[in-house]
Amino acid sequence: MFVDQARILVKGGDGGNGCCSFRREKYMPKGGPDGGDGGNGGSVWMEATSDEQSLASFMYQTAYRAANGPGGKGSDCHGRNADDITLKVPLGTLVTDLETGEQVADLAEPGQRVLVASGGRGGRGNARFLSNFNRAPRRFELGKPGEERRLKLELKTISDVGLVGFPNAGKSTLLGAVSAAKPKVASYPFTTLNPVVGVVEYPDYSRVLIADIPGLIEGAHDNVGLGHAFLKHIERTDILAFVLDMAGTDGRSPLDDLDCLRNELELYMPGLSKRPSVIIANKMDMPASEENLLLLQEKLATEPVEIIPITAAIGELGDLKEILKSKLTYIRAVKKSSAN
């Protein structure tokens, strides 16, 4: 089951109490204070990992508490620090504090960690308060409570290329043709109900991640259908690949489809539709596809966007893989130079 939102409670462990004790031995009736300190409570961390693809585990367990620190004891015995706990989340997880609305972290890199709930500090025992003016202190400290927070986890899929298109445009078929992914393919709309990521591998061992974003419909920016549940997964892609049904098999015009898709992306997030993109003209083996392709090429003649005719169902992909790799290499180079 794919889950991309969850709400959880995290709490750091409480610090252990300090101890009030005095040394009492046969020949040392007034040996002085020997109360030990309490141990620190454990903390709660979150770590991004590529081994997780969904937040499903956080649907069944919604509360995570680190262990409390043990209290101090006599004979200067200090409580040990409690162990931390680490929650593994998928790459692309946004962590938000529900009470303040503050974004705690954006876990986008493998191994990236963030402290989400600190453990409480252990209290000091009475031995810590010994001084020349107070040779028999009875003062000691209680442990501090651990931090408690309610968090919202939201997964936004990380991929290099996002396939965007209306239902039945052939996105799942295309993903299965270019990668080893096995998305569900059927002849009815919305066969894909969650993003599926495939890996395109090249002879030079480079890789491109392609995400099949479930089909959009008009009004998706207003959350029509499963609008926001789909659109948020497009935000992190470097390249938008608009997949068009050039045969218009559902009675739609591929030119109108492109305008509608761009409009929905722009209304959802200004500037999103302006990202680097390609147009994938699918189902070119069907009647009316050639005519629609000519109309599309005429309409986009003044735009610097590549139109790639393919037939994903029979594996005719043209130069699609090479074009995606070339554009992605250029984008990464630009990002690297701007960062420097």
Protein backbone atom coordinates (compact mmCIF):
# COMPACT_ATOMS: atom_id res chain seq x y z
CA MET A 1 0.00 0.00 0.00
CA PHE A 2 1.31 3.41 -0.99
CA VAL A 3 0.84 6.13 1.65
CA ASP A 4 2.21 9.65 1.13
CA GLN A 5 0.85 11.39 4.26
CA ALA A 6 0.93 10.53 7.94
CA ARG A 7 0.61 12.24 11.31
CA ILE A 8 2.63 10.99 14.24
CA LEU A 9 3.52 11.82 17.83
CA VAL A 10 7.19 11.75 18.83
CA LYS A 11 8.52 12.17 22.34
CA GLY A 12 12.04 12.20 23.69
CA GLY A 13 12.71 10.20 26.83
CA ASP A 14 12.61 11.91 30.24
CA GLY A 15 15.87 12.47 32.06
CA GLY A 16 16.50 10.33 35.14
CA ASN A 17 16.29 11.87 38.61
CA GLY A 18 19.42 12.67 40.58
CA CYS A 19 19.94 10.76 43.84
CA CYS A 20 20.28 12.07 47.38
CA SER A 21 22.54 9.69 49.29
CA PHE A 22 25.32 9.77 51.89
CA ARG A 23 28.22 7.45 52.27
CA ARG A 24 27.91 5.26 55.36
CA GLU A 25 30.71 2.78 56.07
CA LYS A 26 32.12 1.21 59.21
CA TYR A 27 34.96 3.63 59.69
CA MET A 28 33.43 6.52 57.73
CA PRO A 29 30.17 7.43 59.48
CA LYS A 30 30.19 10.84 57.81
CA GLY A 31 31.61 9.99 54.42
CA GLY A 32 29.76 12.78 52.67
CA PRO A 33 27.27 12.89 49.80
CA ASP A 34 27.51 10.20 47.11
CA GLY A 35 24.27 10.56 45.16
CA GLY A 36 24.77 9.97 41.41
CA ASP A 37 23.33 11.84 38.45
CA GLY A 38 20.38 10.64 36.40
CA GLY A 39 20.94 9.59 32.78
CA ASN A 40 19.78 11.64 29.81
CA GLY A 41 16.62 10.53 28.01
CA GLY A 42 16.86 9.18 24.48
CA SER A 43 16.14 11.41 21.48
CA VAL A 44 14.07 10.74 18.37
CA TRP A 45 15.74 11.17 14.97
CA MET A 46 14.50 10.87 11.40
CA GLU A 47 16.70 9.61 8.59
CA ALA A 48 16.06 9.52 4.85
CA THR A 49 16.70 6.22 3.14
CA SER A 50 16.23 4.86 -0.38
CA ASP A 51 15.09 1.55 1.11
CA GLU A 52 11.65 3.00 1.90
CA GLN A 53 9.17 4.02 -0.79
CA SER A 54 6.07 4.83 1.28
CA LEU A 55 4.93 6.13 4.67
CA ALA A 56 2.70 3.09 5.18
CA SER A 57 4.48 1.99 8.37
CA PHE A 58 3.50 5.26 10.06
CA MET A 59 -0.18 4.52 9.48
CA TYR A 60 -0.12 1.53 11.84
CA GLN A 61 2.09 3.00 14.53
CA THR A 62 1.52 6.67 15.17
CA ALA A 63 3.38 7.25 18.46
CA TYR A 64 7.14 6.92 18.97
CA ARG A 65 8.72 7.41 22.38
CA ALA A 66 12.39 7.12 23.24
CA ALA A 67 13.43 5.45 26.50
CA ASN A 68 13.71 7.40 29.75
CA GLY A 69 17.09 7.86 31.39
CA PRO A 70 17.63 5.74 34.55
CA GLY A 71 17.91 7.56 37.86
CA GLY A 72 21.14 7.99 39.80
CA LYS A 73 22.01 5.81 42.81
CA GLY A 74 24.18 5.96 45.88
CA SER A 75 27.93 5.26 45.87
CA ASP A 76 28.27 7.81 43.04
CA CYS A 77 26.46 5.53 40.58
CA HIS A 78 25.24 7.58 37.63
CA GLY A 79 22.37 6.51 35.38
CA ARG A 80 23.41 5.70 31.82
CA ASN A 81 22.14 7.76 28.90
CA ALA A 82 19.16 6.13 27.20
CA ASP A 83 19.45 5.03 23.56
CA ASP A 84 18.14 7.23 20.76
CA ILE A 85 15.65 5.89 18.23
CA THR A 86 15.81 6.57 14.49
CA LEU A 87 12.75 6.56 12.23
CA LYS A 88 13.53 5.70 8.60
CA VAL A 89 11.53 7.66 6.01
CA PRO A 90 11.57 7.70 2.19
CA LEU A 91 13.60 10.24 0.24
CA GLY A 92 11.54 13.36 -0.36
CA THR A 93 9.75 13.40 3.01
CA LEU A 94 8.72 16.80 4.35
CA VAL A 95 8.46 17.00 8.15
CA THR A 96 6.18 19.72 9.56
CA ASP A 97 5.31 20.62 13.15
CA LEU A 98 1.51 20.45 13.36
CA GLU A 99 1.21 22.95 16.22
CA THR A 100 3.43 25.71 14.84
CA GLY A 101 3.25 24.98 11.12
CA GLU A 102 7.06 25.16 11.00
CA GLN A 103 8.83 22.99 8.43
CA VAL A 104 11.21 20.90 10.49
CA ALA A 105 13.10 19.25 7.63
CA ASP A 106 13.07 18.34 3.96
CA LEU A 107 14.77 14.95 3.83
CA ALA A 108 15.88 14.72 0.21
CA GLU A 109 19.35 13.11 0.45
CA PRO A 110 20.17 9.52 1.46
CA GLY A 111 21.45 9.40 5.04
CA GLN A 112 20.22 12.92 5.85
CA ARG A 113 19.19 13.06 9.52
CA VAL A 114 17.25 15.50 11.65
CA LEU A 115 16.54 15.62 15.38
CA VAL A 116 12.77 15.79 15.84
CA ALA A 117 12.44 15.33 19.62
CA SER A 118 15.24 15.90 22.13
CA GLY A 119 15.62 13.74 25.19
CA GLY A 120 15.44 15.35 28.63
CA ARG A 121 18.61 16.08 30.61
CA GLY A 122 19.26 13.93 33.64
CA GLY A 123 19.11 15.56 37.08
CA ARG A 124 22.21 16.07 39.25
CA GLY A 125 22.70 14.07 42.41
CA ASN A 126 23.49 15.68 45.77
CA ALA A 127 27.20 14.93 45.36
CA ARG A 128 27.27 17.70 42.74
CA PHE A 129 26.30 20.29 45.32
CA LEU A 130 29.13 19.61 47.80
CA SER A 131 31.02 22.77 48.71
CA ASN A 132 33.13 24.20 51.52
CA PHE A 133 30.04 25.92 52.81
CA ASN A 134 27.72 22.92 52.50
CA ARG A 135 29.40 19.66 53.49
CA ALA A 136 26.17 17.66 53.64
CA PRO A 137 23.95 18.87 50.79
CA ARG A 138 20.51 17.38 50.54
CA ARG A 139 19.76 19.11 47.30
CA PHE A 140 19.31 17.11 44.12
CA GLU A 141 17.57 17.64 40.77
CA LEU A 142 14.74 15.88 39.02
CA GLY A 143 15.23 14.89 35.41
CA LYS A 144 13.90 17.18 32.69
CA PRO A 145 10.98 15.92 30.57
CA GLY A 146 11.71 14.96 26.96
CA GLU A 147 10.45 17.09 24.08
CA GLU A 148 7.09 16.10 22.65
CA ARG A 149 5.87 17.07 19.17
CA ARG A 150 3.09 16.22 16.77
CA LEU A 151 4.42 15.97 13.25
CA LYS A 152 3.00 15.76 9.77
CA LEU A 153 4.93 13.66 7.27
CA GLU A 154 4.36 14.30 3.58
CA LEU A 155 6.09 12.39 0.83
CA LYS A 156 6.86 14.11 -2.46
CA THR A 157 8.36 11.65 -4.91
CA ILE A 158 11.91 12.40 -6.03
CA SER A 159 12.66 11.62 -9.69
CA ASP A 160 14.51 13.14 -12.62
CA VAL A 161 11.60 12.99 -15.06
CA GLY A 162 7.87 13.18 -14.33
CA LEU A 163 5.40 11.71 -16.83
CA VAL A 164 2.39 14.02 -16.95
CA GLY A 165 -0.73 13.29 -18.92
CA PHE A 166 -4.44 12.57 -18.96
CA PRO A 167 -5.74 9.13 -17.98
CA ASN A 168 -5.17 6.50 -20.69
CA ALA A 169 -2.46 8.56 -22.41
CA GLY A 170 -0.07 5.61 -22.07
CA LYS A 171 2.20 6.75 -19.24
CA SER A 172 2.29 3.38 -17.49
CA THR A 173 2.91 1.56 -20.76
CA LEU A 174 5.76 3.97 -21.51
CA LEU A 175 7.34 3.50 -18.08
CA GLY A 176 7.23 -0.27 -18.51
CA ALA A 177 8.85 0.08 -21.95
CA VAL A 178 11.84 2.19 -20.85
CA SER A 179 12.52 0.58 -17.46
CA ALA A 180 12.06 -2.61 -15.46
CA ALA A 181 9.12 -1.12 -13.54
CA LYS A 182 5.85 -3.04 -13.68
CA PRO A 183 3.05 -0.48 -13.33
CA LYS A 184 -0.53 -1.60 -13.75
CA VAL A 185 -1.73 -1.23 -17.35
CA ALA A 186 -5.42 -1.45 -18.31
CA SER A 187 -7.87 0.05 -20.78
CA TYR A 188 -9.78 2.13 -18.22
CA PRO A 189 -8.87 5.52 -16.64
CA PHE A 190 -6.96 5.86 -13.35
CA THR A 191 -5.37 2.41 -13.42
CA THR A 192 -2.42 4.07 -11.66
CA LEU A 193 -3.46 5.34 -8.23
CA ASN A 194 -0.04 6.27 -6.88
CA PRO A 195 3.30 7.34 -8.36
CA VAL A 196 5.48 4.54 -9.72
CA VAL A 197 9.20 5.19 -10.20
CA GLY A 198 11.25 3.34 -12.82
CA VAL A 199 15.00 3.41 -13.47
CA VAL A 200 16.33 3.86 -17.00
CA GLU A 201 19.86 2.45 -17.24
CA TYR A 202 22.39 3.36 -19.93
CA PRO A 203 25.49 1.54 -21.27
CA ASP A 204 27.78 4.01 -19.44
CA TYR A 205 26.10 2.97 -16.14
CA SER A 206 24.33 6.31 -15.75
CA ARG A 207 20.71 6.23 -14.59
CA VAL A 208 17.60 8.35 -14.97
CA LEU A 209 14.65 8.07 -12.58
CA ILE A 210 11.25 8.40 -14.25
CA ALA A 211 8.05 8.75 -12.23
CA ASP A 212 4.65 7.80 -13.63
CA ILE A 213 2.42 10.46 -12.07
CA PRO A 214 -1.24 9.30 -11.98
CA GLY A 215 -3.40 10.86 -14.67
CA LEU A 216 -4.48 14.46 -14.19
CA ILE A 217 -7.88 15.84 -15.10
CA GLU A 218 -9.19 19.35 -15.60
CA GLY A 219 -9.61 21.09 -12.24
CA ALA A 220 -6.86 19.08 -10.54
CA HIS A 221 -5.39 22.31 -9.09
CA ASP A 222 -8.67 22.71 -7.17
CA ASN A 223 -8.25 19.14 -5.88
CA VAL A 224 -10.78 17.73 -8.35
CA GLY A 225 -10.38 13.98 -8.53
CA LEU A 226 -7.22 13.26 -6.59
CA GLY A 227 -5.69 16.57 -7.68
CA HIS A 228 -3.29 17.61 -4.94
CA ALA A 229 -2.44 13.99 -4.11
CA PHE A 230 -1.04 13.73 -7.65
CA LEU A 231 0.29 17.21 -8.34
CA LYS A 232 2.58 17.40 -5.31
CA HIS A 233 4.66 14.54 -6.72
CA ILE A 234 5.53 16.63 -9.78
CA GLU A 235 7.15 19.43 -7.76
CA ARG A 236 10.57 17.77 -7.40
CA THR A 237 11.09 16.57 -10.98
CA ASP A 238 13.78 18.23 -13.10
CA ILE A 239 12.08 17.50 -16.43
CA LEU A 240 8.38 17.38 -17.25
CA ALA A 241 7.44 14.85 -19.94
CA PHE A 242 3.96 15.62 -21.27
CA VAL A 243 2.54 12.35 -22.62
CA LEU A 244 -0.16 13.00 -25.23
CA ASP A 245 -2.58 10.54 -26.82
CA MET A 246 -2.10 11.60 -30.43
CA ALA A 247 -4.98 9.41 -31.62
CA GLY A 248 -7.50 11.14 -29.33
CA THR A 249 -8.95 7.74 -28.42
CA ASP A 250 -11.12 9.19 -25.63
CA GLY A 251 -12.55 11.89 -27.88
CA ARG A 252 -10.09 14.57 -26.72
CA SER A 253 -7.76 16.71 -28.81
CA PRO A 254 -4.06 16.23 -27.96
CA LEU A 255 -3.48 19.97 -28.52
CA ASP A 256 -6.20 20.85 -26.01
CA ASP A 257 -4.79 18.24 -23.62
CA LEU A 258 -1.39 19.95 -23.65
CA ASP A 259 -2.92 23.37 -22.94
CA CYS A 260 -5.01 21.94 -20.12
CA LEU A 261 -2.06 20.10 -18.51
CA ARG A 262 0.13 23.20 -18.60
CA ASN A 263 -2.67 25.30 -17.17
CA GLU A 264 -3.31 22.89 -14.28
CA LEU A 265 0.40 22.83 -13.37
CA GLU A 266 0.65 26.62 -13.46
CA LEU A 267 -2.47 27.11 -11.36
CA TYR A 268 -1.21 24.62 -8.79
CA MET A 269 2.28 26.16 -8.53
CA PRO A 270 3.23 29.29 -10.50
CA GLY A 271 6.28 28.56 -12.64
CA LEU A 272 5.86 24.78 -12.56
CA SER A 273 4.74 24.58 -16.19
CA LYS A 274 7.83 26.56 -17.25
CA ARG A 275 10.27 23.87 -16.17
CA PRO A 276 12.36 22.09 -18.85
CA SER A 277 10.07 19.74 -20.70
CA VAL A 278 9.58 17.43 -23.64
CA ILE A 279 6.42 16.45 -25.48
CA ILE A 280 5.99 12.70 -25.93
CA ALA A 281 3.57 12.08 -28.80
CA ASN A 282 2.31 8.59 -28.01
CA LYS A 283 0.17 6.09 -29.96
CA MET A 284 1.60 7.10 -33.32
CA ASP A 285 0.44 3.79 -34.84
CA MET A 286 -3.22 4.82 -34.52
CA PRO A 287 -5.40 6.59 -37.13
CA ALA A 288 -5.36 10.42 -37.05
CA SER A 289 -2.06 10.45 -35.11
CA GLU A 290 0.03 11.74 -38.02
CA GLU A 291 -2.42 14.56 -38.70
CA ASN A 292 -2.51 15.58 -35.04
CA LEU A 293 1.30 15.44 -34.88
CA LEU A 294 1.57 17.93 -37.76
CA LEU A 295 -0.88 20.26 -36.03
CA LEU A 296 1.08 19.97 -32.77
CA GLN A 297 4.39 20.70 -34.50
CA GLU A 298 2.86 23.74 -36.20
CA LYS A 299 1.44 25.03 -32.90
CA LEU A 300 4.75 24.63 -31.02
CA ALA A 301 7.00 25.78 -33.87
CA THR A 302 8.10 28.88 -31.93
CA GLU A 303 8.71 27.08 -28.63
CA PRO A 304 12.08 25.52 -27.74
CA VAL A 305 10.52 22.17 -26.82
CA GLU A 306 11.22 18.80 -28.42
CA ILE A 307 8.39 16.61 -29.68
CA ILE A 308 9.22 12.90 -29.61
CA PRO A 309 6.87 10.61 -31.60
CA ILE A 310 6.66 7.11 -30.08
CA THR A 311 4.44 4.06 -29.81
CA ALA A 312 5.02 2.77 -26.30
CA ALA A 313 2.75 -0.28 -26.68
CA ILE A 314 5.10 -1.89 -29.24
CA GLY A 315 8.34 -0.48 -27.83
CA GLU A 316 9.02 2.09 -30.57
CA LEU A 317 10.62 4.84 -28.47
CA GLY A 318 12.70 6.68 -31.04
CA ASP A 319 15.40 8.85 -29.41
CA LEU A 320 13.45 9.31 -26.19
CA LYS A 321 16.03 7.81 -23.82
CA GLU A 322 18.93 9.71 -25.39
CA ILE A 323 17.06 13.02 -25.37
CA LEU A 324 16.11 12.65 -21.70
CA LYS A 325 19.67 11.82 -20.73
CA SER A 326 21.07 14.76 -22.73
CA LYS A 327 18.63 17.27 -21.19
CA LEU A 328 19.21 15.95 -17.69
CA THR A 329 23.01 16.14 -18.10
CA TYR A 330 22.70 19.77 -19.18
CA ILE A 331 20.37 20.65 -16.29
CA ARG A 332 22.70 19.06 -13.75
CA ALA A 333 25.68 20.93 -15.20
CA VAL A 334 23.81 24.25 -14.96
CA LYS A 335 22.83 23.53 -11.35
CA LYS A 336 26.39 22.63 -10.45
CA SER A 337 27.86 25.76 -12.00
CA SER A 338 25.27 28.01 -10.33
CA ALA A 339 25.97 26.38 -6.96
CA ASN A 340 29.66 27.16 -7.33
